[in-house]
Amino acid sequence: MVVPGDTHPAWVKAISGQGVQKIEFLATKLLLGRLCGAYRVNSSPAKVKEYIAELRGFFEKNVNLPKAQNDLKKIIEGR
C-alpha cells in the first residue's frame, strides 16, 4: 500500500478529528489522540505540517502491518 503525500486532504481531517471512525490499531489510536489534542491547542500551518509528517511517518514505518493498512484506508477514504 502506498502512503499518500503530505498534501492529501485526509491528513488534516484525521489530525483535526474529523471523519475517521473505528480505528483498529492501538498505536494509531494513541497517535491520533495525541495529534488531535495538539491540533486543538495549536493549529498553525507550521504545526499542522509537523503533525502530518509524524502521522505519515508512522504509516510509512508500519505499512506492512494489516491493522495499520486498514487504518490508513479508513483515514484516506474518510470512513
C-alpha atoms as a PDB file:
ATOM      1  CA  MET A   1       0.000   0.000   0.000  1.00  0.00           C
ATOM      2  CA  VAL A   2       1.243   3.488  -0.858  1.00  0.00           C
ATOM      3  CA  VAL A   3       1.127   6.198   1.784  1.00  0.00           C
ATOM      4  CA  PRO A   4      -0.274   9.411   0.239  1.00  0.00           C
ATOM      5  CA  GLY A   5       1.802  12.583   0.139  1.00  0.00           C
ATOM      6  CA  ASP A   6       1.772  15.399   2.685  1.00  0.00           C
ATOM      7  CA  THR A   7      -0.742  17.435   0.718  1.00  0.00           C
ATOM      8  CA  HIS A   8      -3.507  14.831   0.743  1.00  0.00           C
ATOM      9  CA  PRO A   9      -6.550  16.449   2.433  1.00  0.00           C
ATOM     10  CA  ALA A  10      -7.295  13.338   4.508  1.00  0.00           C
ATOM     11  CA  TRP A  11      -4.311  14.045   6.764  1.00  0.00           C
ATOM     12  CA  VAL A  12      -5.724  17.339   8.008  1.00  0.00           C
ATOM     13  CA  LYS A  13      -9.119  15.732   8.540  1.00  0.00           C
ATOM     14  CA  ALA A  14      -7.514  12.952  10.582  1.00  0.00           C
ATOM     15  CA  ILE A  15      -5.467  15.212  12.862  1.00  0.00           C
ATOM     16  CA  SER A  16      -8.401  17.559  13.364  1.00  0.00           C
ATOM     17  CA  GLY A  17     -10.589  14.630  14.466  1.00  0.00           C
ATOM     18  CA  GLN A  18     -12.991  14.756  11.528  1.00  0.00           C
ATOM     19  CA  GLY A  19     -14.377  11.766   9.727  1.00  0.00           C
ATOM     20  CA  VAL A  20     -12.277   8.858  10.997  1.00  0.00           C
ATOM     21  CA  GLN A  21     -14.180   6.230  12.947  1.00  0.00           C
ATOM     22  CA  LYS A  22     -13.291   2.849  14.427  1.00  0.00           C
ATOM     23  CA  ILE A  23      -9.514   2.817  14.255  1.00  0.00           C
ATOM     24  CA  GLU A  24      -8.303  -0.777  14.784  1.00  0.00           C
ATOM     25  CA  PHE A  25      -4.619  -0.463  15.670  1.00  0.00           C
ATOM     26  CA  LEU A  26      -3.974   0.738  19.217  1.00  0.00           C
ATOM     27  CA  ALA A  27      -0.819   2.568  18.167  1.00  0.00           C
ATOM     28  CA  THR A  28      -2.827   4.529  15.568  1.00  0.00           C
ATOM     29  CA  LYS A  29      -5.466   5.384  18.182  1.00  0.00           C
ATOM     30  CA  LEU A  30      -2.855   6.673  20.595  1.00  0.00           C
ATOM     31  CA  LEU A  31      -1.013   8.708  17.984  1.00  0.00           C
ATOM     32  CA  LEU A  32      -4.180  10.232  16.552  1.00  0.00           C
ATOM     33  CA  GLY A  33      -5.435  11.054  20.037  1.00  0.00           C
ATOM     34  CA  ARG A  34      -2.222  12.909  20.804  1.00  0.00           C
ATOM     35  CA  LEU A  35      -2.133  14.678  17.437  1.00  0.00           C
ATOM     36  CA  CYS A  36      -5.793  15.716  17.690  1.00  0.00           C
ATOM     37  CA  GLY A  37      -5.125  17.196  21.116  1.00  0.00           C
ATOM     38  CA  ALA A  38      -2.060  19.032  19.848  1.00  0.00           C
ATOM     39  CA  TYR A  39      -4.063  20.305  16.872  1.00  0.00           C
ATOM     40  CA  ARG A  40      -6.710  21.755  19.194  1.00  0.00           C
ATOM     41  CA  VAL A  41      -4.001  23.630  21.092  1.00  0.00           C
ATOM     42  CA  ASN A  42      -2.004  24.817  18.073  1.00  0.00           C
ATOM     43  CA  SER A  43      -3.330  24.565  14.519  1.00  0.00           C
ATOM     44  CA  SER A  44      -0.849  26.927  12.892  1.00  0.00           C
ATOM     45  CA  PRO A  45       0.250  25.891   9.378  1.00  0.00           C
ATOM     46  CA  ALA A  46       3.770  25.060  10.579  1.00  0.00           C
ATOM     47  CA  LYS A  47       2.486  22.797  13.350  1.00  0.00           C
ATOM     48  CA  VAL A  48      -0.065  21.122  11.076  1.00  0.00           C
ATOM     49  CA  LYS A  49       2.792  20.292   8.716  1.00  0.00           C
ATOM     50  CA  GLU A  50       4.694  18.689  11.627  1.00  0.00           C
ATOM     51  CA  TYR A  51       1.641  16.691  12.717  1.00  0.00           C
ATOM     52  CA  ILE A  52       1.059  15.416   9.191  1.00  0.00           C
ATOM     53  CA  ALA A  53       4.717  14.444   8.834  1.00  0.00           C
ATOM     54  CA  GLU A  54       4.557  12.485  12.084  1.00  0.00           C
ATOM     55  CA  LEU A  55       1.367  10.670  11.083  1.00  0.00           C
ATOM     56  CA  ARG A  56       2.686   9.884   7.609  1.00  0.00           C
ATOM     57  CA  GLY A  57       5.957   8.652   9.094  1.00  0.00           C
ATOM     58  CA  PHE A  58       4.045   6.334  11.384  1.00  0.00           C
ATOM     59  CA  PHE A  59       2.228   4.768   8.441  1.00  0.00           C
ATOM     60  CA  GLU A  60       5.390   4.557   6.350  1.00  0.00           C
ATOM     61  CA  LYS A  61       7.087   2.594   9.148  1.00  0.00           C
ATOM     62  CA  ASN A  62       4.077   0.328   9.678  1.00  0.00           C
ATOM     63  CA  VAL A  63       2.819  -0.006   6.118  1.00  0.00           C
ATOM     64  CA  ASN A  64       3.203  -3.800   6.157  1.00  0.00           C
ATOM     65  CA  LEU A  65       1.025  -4.333   9.235  1.00  0.00           C
ATOM     66  CA  PRO A  66      -2.543  -5.321   8.309  1.00  0.00           C
ATOM     67  CA  LYS A  67      -4.199  -3.233  11.042  1.00  0.00           C
ATOM     68  CA  ALA A  68      -2.139  -0.184  10.094  1.00  0.00           C
ATOM     69  CA  GLN A  69      -3.135  -0.716   6.459  1.00  0.00           C
ATOM     70  CA  ASN A  70      -6.806  -0.874   7.429  1.00  0.00           C
ATOM     71  CA  ASP A  71      -6.494   2.313   9.481  1.00  0.00           C
ATOM     72  CA  LEU A  72      -4.727   4.093   6.623  1.00  0.00           C
ATOM     73  CA  LYS A  73      -7.530   3.094   4.249  1.00  0.00           C
ATOM     74  CA  LYS A  74     -10.105   4.458   6.690  1.00  0.00           C
ATOM     75  CA  ILE A  75      -8.224   7.727   7.010  1.00  0.00           C
ATOM     76  CA  ILE A  76      -7.784   8.158   3.262  1.00  0.00           C
ATOM     77  CA  GLU A  77     -11.360   7.154   2.458  1.00  0.00           C
ATOM     78  CA  GLY A  78     -12.762   9.171   5.368  1.00  0.00           C
ATOM     79  CA  ARG A  79     -14.701   6.289   6.933  1.00  0.00           C
END
